[in-house]
Amino acid sequence: MTRNFFQHLPGLFPILRGFVDRHHRGTRILLLGSSSPDLLKQSAESLAGRLVYRELSPLLWEEISGSTTEGPLSLLQKHWLRGGYPLSFLAESNQASYDWRESFKKTILTWDIPALGIRVSPLTLERFVRMLSLQHGQNLNMAALGNSLGVSSPTIRHYLEILEGTFQIRVLQPWMENQGKRLVKTPKVYIRDSGLLHTLWEAMDFNDILAHPLFGASWEGYVLEQILSRFPRVRASFYRTASGIEVDLVLEQDQKRLVVETKASTAPQLTRGFWTAMADLKPDVALVVAPVETGWPVRAGTFVCSLTEALNRLNDFFRPR
């Protein structure tokens, strides 16, 4: 099989530079492919001043909501379960979607990621990614990962950088501005596409997700990915104190601060810790995003809302991509 993806043709850059320089007026060239550190370096050297990078995410909720006659909650569950890769989301059945994601996962682990610098067997790499999936939405424990694989923390960090650079995972940093509090300094890790996460969990249908001990973390990661892919320029972090008080997402831009808490229940309950965090963070607005069709106000400045309502409110606060 011939693999002619753009990332495997770095020698194309000098040719494109000459073409663009000769025909620059009105010329637009669209290049699609995975990125890698070497590829980005070569493109920056060869096409400096001539190139704009765009991250293309899998299909987002805002792109598919309202696109079918399917009910909003049913469609939401389908997107959450299958993720946003088109052939997974549009598959005729959950089984067909799962089979496609399983094949896609093997392709990534066997071909694409090893070609970018992870010199381990595909089986070891799959084990590493599966272990990451069990830390999804949790504070990243590199020591535990290293001990399990028998490698050093710098090696684990290298693996993580490649997975993050190829858009397979998202590493979310902690909010660190309050010097009067003992705040957690360890980042959190998420598998970016919820469909791939559920494949790593071997979750075939929505009941399998419901039964998983990290069900709430699955919803958290799904919501965060829809928001952060929509607003990549917004400064994003999470808030967690040493005593366990936590808010899933803190968003800041242009002196505005908005917090997002996720609840996988249709009747979310807010704890005393949540209100303590609100007193510490003093956000302009707090959104509690739940799998509901229509939300409701909790108190001044705090709202339970659906994912669609949350994205609409965020549009009023921040500049989208």
Protein backbone atom coordinates (compact mmCIF):
# COMPACT_ATOMS: atom_id res chain seq x y z
CA MET A 1 0.00 0.00 0.00
CA THR A 2 1.35 3.43 -0.94
CA ARG A 3 1.04 6.10 1.72
CA ASN A 4 1.25 9.55 0.13
CA PHE A 5 0.01 11.68 3.01
CA PHE A 6 1.37 15.22 2.99
CA GLN A 7 3.41 14.66 6.15
CA HIS A 8 5.43 12.07 4.21
CA LEU A 9 6.35 14.56 1.45
CA PRO A 10 8.43 17.27 3.18
CA GLY A 11 10.44 17.81 -0.01
CA LEU A 12 7.37 19.45 -1.49
CA PHE A 13 7.94 22.68 0.46
CA PRO A 14 10.75 24.16 -1.69
CA ILE A 15 8.71 23.40 -4.83
CA LEU A 16 5.67 25.14 -3.35
CA ARG A 17 7.77 28.14 -2.33
CA GLY A 18 8.89 28.69 -5.92
CA PHE A 19 5.36 28.24 -7.22
CA VAL A 20 3.86 30.66 -4.68
CA ASP A 21 6.54 33.28 -5.35
CA ARG A 22 5.88 33.12 -9.11
CA HIS A 23 2.08 33.03 -8.87
CA HIS A 24 1.40 34.75 -5.57
CA ARG A 25 -1.43 37.00 -6.71
CA GLY A 26 -4.70 35.31 -5.82
CA THR A 27 -3.08 31.89 -5.39
CA ARG A 28 -4.34 29.71 -2.56
CA ILE A 29 -3.09 26.17 -1.90
CA LEU A 30 -4.77 23.93 0.67
CA LEU A 31 -2.54 21.20 2.14
CA LEU A 32 -4.13 18.57 4.36
CA GLY A 33 -2.25 16.16 6.57
CA SER A 34 -0.99 15.45 10.06
CA SER A 35 1.60 17.75 11.58
CA SER A 36 4.89 16.78 13.16
CA PRO A 37 7.73 18.82 14.70
CA ASP A 38 10.02 18.15 11.72
CA LEU A 39 7.29 19.01 9.24
CA LEU A 40 6.42 22.26 11.00
CA LYS A 41 10.10 23.23 11.16
CA GLN A 42 10.62 22.58 7.44
CA SER A 43 7.44 24.41 6.49
CA ALA A 44 8.44 27.41 8.60
CA GLU A 45 11.87 27.55 6.95
CA SER A 46 10.63 27.04 3.39
CA LEU A 47 7.35 28.97 3.44
CA ALA A 48 7.97 31.67 6.04
CA GLY A 49 5.50 34.50 5.52
CA ARG A 50 3.53 32.44 3.01
CA LEU A 51 1.83 29.92 5.28
CA VAL A 52 -1.10 29.92 7.71
CA TYR A 53 -1.74 26.92 9.99
CA ARG A 54 -5.27 25.75 10.77
CA GLU A 55 -6.16 22.96 13.16
CA LEU A 56 -9.05 20.92 11.76
CA SER A 57 -10.87 19.10 14.52
CA PRO A 58 -13.25 16.19 14.01
CA LEU A 59 -16.90 17.23 13.64
CA LEU A 60 -17.96 19.38 16.57
CA TRP A 61 -21.38 19.44 18.22
CA GLU A 62 -22.19 22.87 16.81
CA GLU A 63 -21.53 21.51 13.30
CA ILE A 64 -23.91 18.56 13.55
CA SER A 65 -26.62 19.74 15.96
CA GLY A 66 -29.79 20.50 14.05
CA SER A 67 -28.42 18.77 10.94
CA THR A 68 -30.86 15.83 11.18
CA THR A 69 -34.41 15.18 12.32
CA GLU A 70 -33.04 13.14 15.22
CA GLY A 71 -33.95 14.47 18.67
CA PRO A 72 -31.30 16.71 20.28
CA LEU A 73 -30.57 14.43 23.25
CA SER A 74 -30.44 11.31 21.07
CA LEU A 75 -28.10 13.08 18.64
CA LEU A 76 -25.97 14.31 21.54
CA GLN A 77 -25.58 10.78 22.91
CA LYS A 78 -24.64 9.52 19.44
CA HIS A 79 -21.98 12.21 18.97
CA TRP A 80 -20.68 11.74 22.50
CA LEU A 81 -20.46 7.94 22.04
CA ARG A 82 -19.01 7.86 18.52
CA GLY A 83 -16.93 11.04 18.49
CA GLY A 84 -16.52 13.44 15.61
CA TYR A 85 -14.61 11.54 12.94
CA PRO A 86 -17.10 11.55 10.03
CA LEU A 87 -16.93 7.84 9.14
CA SER A 88 -17.40 6.94 12.80
CA PHE A 89 -20.24 9.39 13.46
CA LEU A 90 -22.09 8.60 10.22
CA ALA A 91 -21.74 4.80 10.44
CA GLU A 92 -24.92 2.75 10.01
CA SER A 93 -24.67 1.22 13.49
CA ASN A 94 -22.73 1.45 16.74
CA GLN A 95 -20.97 -1.78 15.77
CA ALA A 96 -19.85 -0.34 12.42
CA SER A 97 -18.73 2.87 14.13
CA TYR A 98 -16.75 0.91 16.73
CA ASP A 99 -15.10 -1.23 14.05
CA TRP A 100 -14.03 1.87 12.11
CA ARG A 101 -12.55 3.48 15.23
CA GLU A 102 -10.73 0.27 16.14
CA SER A 103 -9.11 0.19 12.68
CA PHE A 104 -8.33 3.91 12.85
CA LYS A 105 -6.70 3.48 16.25
CA LYS A 106 -4.49 0.67 14.94
CA THR A 107 -3.46 2.76 11.94
CA ILE A 108 -2.45 5.65 14.17
CA LEU A 109 -0.51 3.44 16.58
CA THR A 110 1.10 1.25 13.91
CA TRP A 111 2.00 3.83 11.26
CA ASP A 112 1.52 7.49 12.05
CA ILE A 113 2.76 8.04 15.59
CA PRO A 114 5.82 5.72 15.41
CA ALA A 115 6.91 7.67 12.32
CA LEU A 116 7.03 10.83 14.48
CA GLY A 117 9.61 9.60 16.98
CA ILE A 118 8.12 7.11 19.44
CA ARG A 119 10.51 4.18 19.09
CA VAL A 120 8.47 1.49 20.78
CA SER A 121 6.42 -1.39 19.48
CA PRO A 122 2.79 -0.72 18.54
CA LEU A 123 1.71 -3.04 21.36
CA THR A 124 3.63 -1.01 23.94
CA LEU A 125 2.29 2.22 22.46
CA GLU A 126 -1.28 0.91 22.60
CA ARG A 127 -0.75 -0.08 26.23
CA PHE A 128 0.50 3.43 26.98
CA VAL A 129 -2.51 5.06 25.30
CA ARG A 130 -4.91 2.70 27.10
CA MET A 131 -3.30 3.68 30.40
CA LEU A 132 -3.74 7.34 29.47
CA SER A 133 -7.42 6.68 28.77
CA LEU A 134 -7.80 5.52 32.38
CA GLN A 135 -6.32 8.84 33.53
CA HIS A 136 -8.78 10.75 31.31
CA GLY A 137 -9.93 13.84 33.18
CA GLN A 138 -7.57 13.05 36.06
CA ASN A 139 -4.37 14.66 37.28
CA LEU A 140 -1.56 13.28 35.15
CA ASN A 141 0.61 10.75 37.01
CA MET A 142 3.76 10.40 34.93
CA ALA A 143 5.56 8.39 37.61
CA ALA A 144 2.85 5.72 37.56
CA LEU A 145 2.91 5.61 33.76
CA GLY A 146 6.70 5.32 33.73
CA ASN A 147 6.75 2.57 36.35
CA SER A 148 4.11 0.57 34.48
CA LEU A 149 6.01 0.77 31.20
CA GLY A 150 9.49 0.54 32.71
CA VAL A 151 10.65 3.87 31.27
CA SER A 152 11.75 7.19 32.75
CA SER A 153 9.62 10.28 33.31
CA PRO A 154 11.45 12.20 30.52
CA THR A 155 10.54 9.37 28.11
CA ILE A 156 6.88 9.55 29.20
CA ARG A 157 7.00 13.32 28.71
CA HIS A 158 8.36 12.79 25.19
CA TYR A 159 5.53 10.39 24.39
CA LEU A 160 2.98 12.86 25.72
CA GLU A 161 4.42 15.70 23.63
CA ILE A 162 4.06 13.64 20.46
CA LEU A 163 0.50 12.59 21.29
CA GLU A 164 -0.39 16.20 22.09
CA GLY A 165 1.33 17.45 18.92
CA THR A 166 -0.67 15.00 16.81
CA PHE A 167 -3.93 16.13 18.48
CA GLN A 168 -4.64 12.77 20.14
CA ILE A 169 -4.61 14.15 23.69
CA ARG A 170 -5.19 17.48 25.37
CA VAL A 171 -3.14 18.48 28.41
CA LEU A 172 -4.91 21.10 30.53
CA GLN A 173 -2.81 23.17 32.91
CA PRO A 174 -3.93 24.21 36.41
CA TRP A 175 -4.99 27.75 37.27
CA MET A 176 -2.18 29.27 39.36
CA GLU A 177 -3.06 32.92 40.00
CA ASN A 178 -4.24 32.69 43.62
CA GLN A 179 -1.05 32.67 45.67
CA GLY A 180 -3.00 32.54 48.93
CA LYS A 181 -4.32 29.04 48.23
CA ARG A 182 -2.55 25.70 48.04
CA LEU A 183 -3.36 24.79 44.46
CA VAL A 184 -2.69 21.55 42.62
CA LYS A 185 0.17 22.05 40.13
CA THR A 186 -0.20 18.83 38.14
CA PRO A 187 -1.94 19.07 34.72
CA LYS A 188 -4.91 16.97 33.65
CA VAL A 189 -4.98 14.82 30.52
CA TYR A 190 -7.84 14.06 28.11
CA ILE A 191 -8.22 11.84 25.05
CA ARG A 192 -9.49 14.48 22.65
CA ASP A 193 -11.99 12.51 20.57
CA SER A 194 -14.66 10.90 22.76
CA GLY A 195 -15.16 8.10 20.24
CA LEU A 196 -11.50 7.06 20.46
CA LEU A 197 -11.69 7.28 24.24
CA HIS A 198 -14.64 4.89 24.29
CA THR A 199 -12.84 2.54 21.89
CA LEU A 200 -9.89 2.43 24.30
CA TRP A 201 -12.41 1.60 27.03
CA GLU A 202 -13.93 -1.07 24.76
CA ALA A 203 -17.31 0.66 25.18
CA MET A 204 -19.54 -0.42 22.29
CA ASP A 205 -22.75 1.43 23.12
CA PHE A 206 -24.06 4.09 25.46
CA ASN A 207 -24.89 1.59 28.23
CA ASP A 208 -21.21 0.62 28.31
CA ILE A 209 -20.29 4.26 28.96
CA LEU A 210 -22.95 4.57 31.67
CA ALA A 211 -21.45 1.56 33.45
CA HIS A 212 -17.87 2.81 33.26
CA PRO A 213 -16.35 4.22 36.49
CA LEU A 214 -15.11 7.26 34.53
CA PHE A 215 -18.54 8.05 33.02
CA GLY A 216 -18.49 11.58 34.46
CA ALA A 217 -14.95 12.15 33.16
CA SER A 218 -16.12 11.10 29.69
CA TRP A 219 -18.79 13.83 29.70
CA GLU A 220 -16.29 16.32 31.10
CA GLY A 221 -13.78 15.64 28.33
CA TYR A 222 -16.45 15.71 25.64
CA VAL A 223 -17.75 19.12 26.76
CA LEU A 224 -14.27 20.58 27.18
CA GLU A 225 -13.26 19.48 23.69
CA GLN A 226 -16.34 21.08 22.10
CA ILE A 227 -15.57 24.34 23.90
CA LEU A 228 -11.80 24.49 23.52
CA SER A 229 -11.87 23.51 19.83
CA ARG A 230 -14.37 26.34 19.28
CA PHE A 231 -12.36 28.91 21.25
CA PRO A 232 -8.65 28.01 20.86
CA ARG A 233 -7.43 31.54 21.60
CA VAL A 234 -9.02 31.67 25.04
CA ARG A 235 -6.72 30.97 27.97
CA ALA A 236 -7.95 27.72 29.52
CA SER A 237 -7.10 26.00 32.80
CA PHE A 238 -8.75 24.08 35.63
CA TYR A 239 -9.00 25.02 39.29
CA ARG A 240 -8.21 22.57 42.07
CA THR A 241 -7.04 23.15 45.62
CA ALA A 242 -5.05 20.74 47.74
CA SER A 243 -8.22 20.11 49.76
CA GLY A 244 -10.06 18.87 46.65
CA ILE A 245 -12.18 21.91 45.71
CA GLU A 246 -12.31 21.88 41.92
CA VAL A 247 -13.82 23.55 38.85
CA ASP A 248 -13.42 21.79 35.51
CA LEU A 249 -12.62 24.76 33.29
CA VAL A 250 -11.58 28.39 33.78
CA LEU A 251 -11.73 30.51 30.61
CA GLU A 252 -10.11 33.96 30.45
CA GLN A 253 -9.80 36.58 27.71
CA ASP A 254 -9.75 40.39 27.63
CA GLN A 255 -10.19 40.74 31.41
CA LYS A 256 -13.24 38.45 31.31
CA ARG A 257 -13.46 35.21 33.25
CA LEU A 258 -16.00 32.46 32.81
CA VAL A 259 -16.02 29.08 34.52
CA VAL A 260 -17.51 25.81 33.30
CA GLU A 261 -18.46 22.89 35.52
CA THR A 262 -19.67 19.68 33.90
CA LYS A 263 -22.26 17.34 35.38
CA ALA A 264 -23.25 14.12 33.62
CA SER A 265 -26.64 14.14 35.38
CA THR A 266 -29.89 15.62 34.08
CA ALA A 267 -30.50 16.97 37.61
CA PRO A 268 -27.06 18.34 38.58
CA GLN A 269 -26.35 19.14 42.22
CA LEU A 270 -23.80 21.79 43.15
CA THR A 271 -21.69 21.20 46.25
CA ARG A 272 -20.43 23.60 48.87
CA GLY A 273 -16.99 23.24 47.26
CA PHE A 274 -18.32 24.64 43.99
CA TRP A 275 -19.54 27.80 45.72
CA THR A 276 -16.23 28.11 47.56
CA ALA A 277 -14.46 27.99 44.21
CA MET A 278 -16.82 30.68 42.87
CA ALA A 279 -15.85 32.91 45.79
CA ASP A 280 -12.17 32.34 45.01
CA LEU A 281 -12.38 32.79 41.24
CA LYS A 282 -15.04 35.54 41.09
CA PRO A 283 -16.10 34.75 37.50
CA ASP A 284 -18.36 36.95 35.42
CA VAL A 285 -20.53 33.90 34.66
CA ALA A 286 -20.57 30.26 35.76
CA LEU A 287 -22.04 27.58 33.49
CA VAL A 288 -22.96 24.09 34.67
CA VAL A 289 -23.14 22.03 31.48
CA ALA A 290 -25.34 18.94 31.69
CA PRO A 291 -26.92 16.56 29.13
CA VAL A 292 -30.23 18.42 29.21
CA GLU A 293 -32.30 19.92 26.42
CA THR A 294 -33.02 23.24 28.16
CA GLY A 295 -31.27 24.75 31.16
CA TRP A 296 -32.30 27.03 34.02
CA PRO A 297 -30.79 29.72 36.27
CA VAL A 298 -29.42 28.64 39.64
CA ARG A 299 -28.68 32.05 41.08
CA ALA A 300 -27.39 35.37 39.72
CA GLY A 301 -24.58 34.66 37.26
CA THR A 302 -24.81 30.85 37.53
CA PHE A 303 -26.76 28.73 35.06
CA VAL A 304 -27.38 25.07 34.37
CA CYS A 305 -27.39 24.77 30.58
CA SER A 306 -27.22 22.39 27.66
CA LEU A 307 -24.07 22.19 25.57
CA THR A 308 -25.73 24.28 22.84
CA GLU A 309 -26.75 26.96 25.35
CA ALA A 310 -23.23 26.99 26.81
CA LEU A 311 -21.66 27.53 23.38
CA ASN A 312 -24.13 30.34 22.65
CA ARG A 313 -23.28 32.08 25.91
CA LEU A 314 -19.55 31.67 25.23
CA ASN A 315 -20.04 33.30 21.84
CA ASP A 316 -21.25 36.40 23.68
CA PHE A 317 -18.09 36.50 25.81
CA PHE A 318 -15.16 35.33 23.71
CA ARG A 319 -13.81 35.54 20.18
CA PRO A 320 -14.22 32.19 18.39
CA ARG A 321 -11.58 30.66 16.15
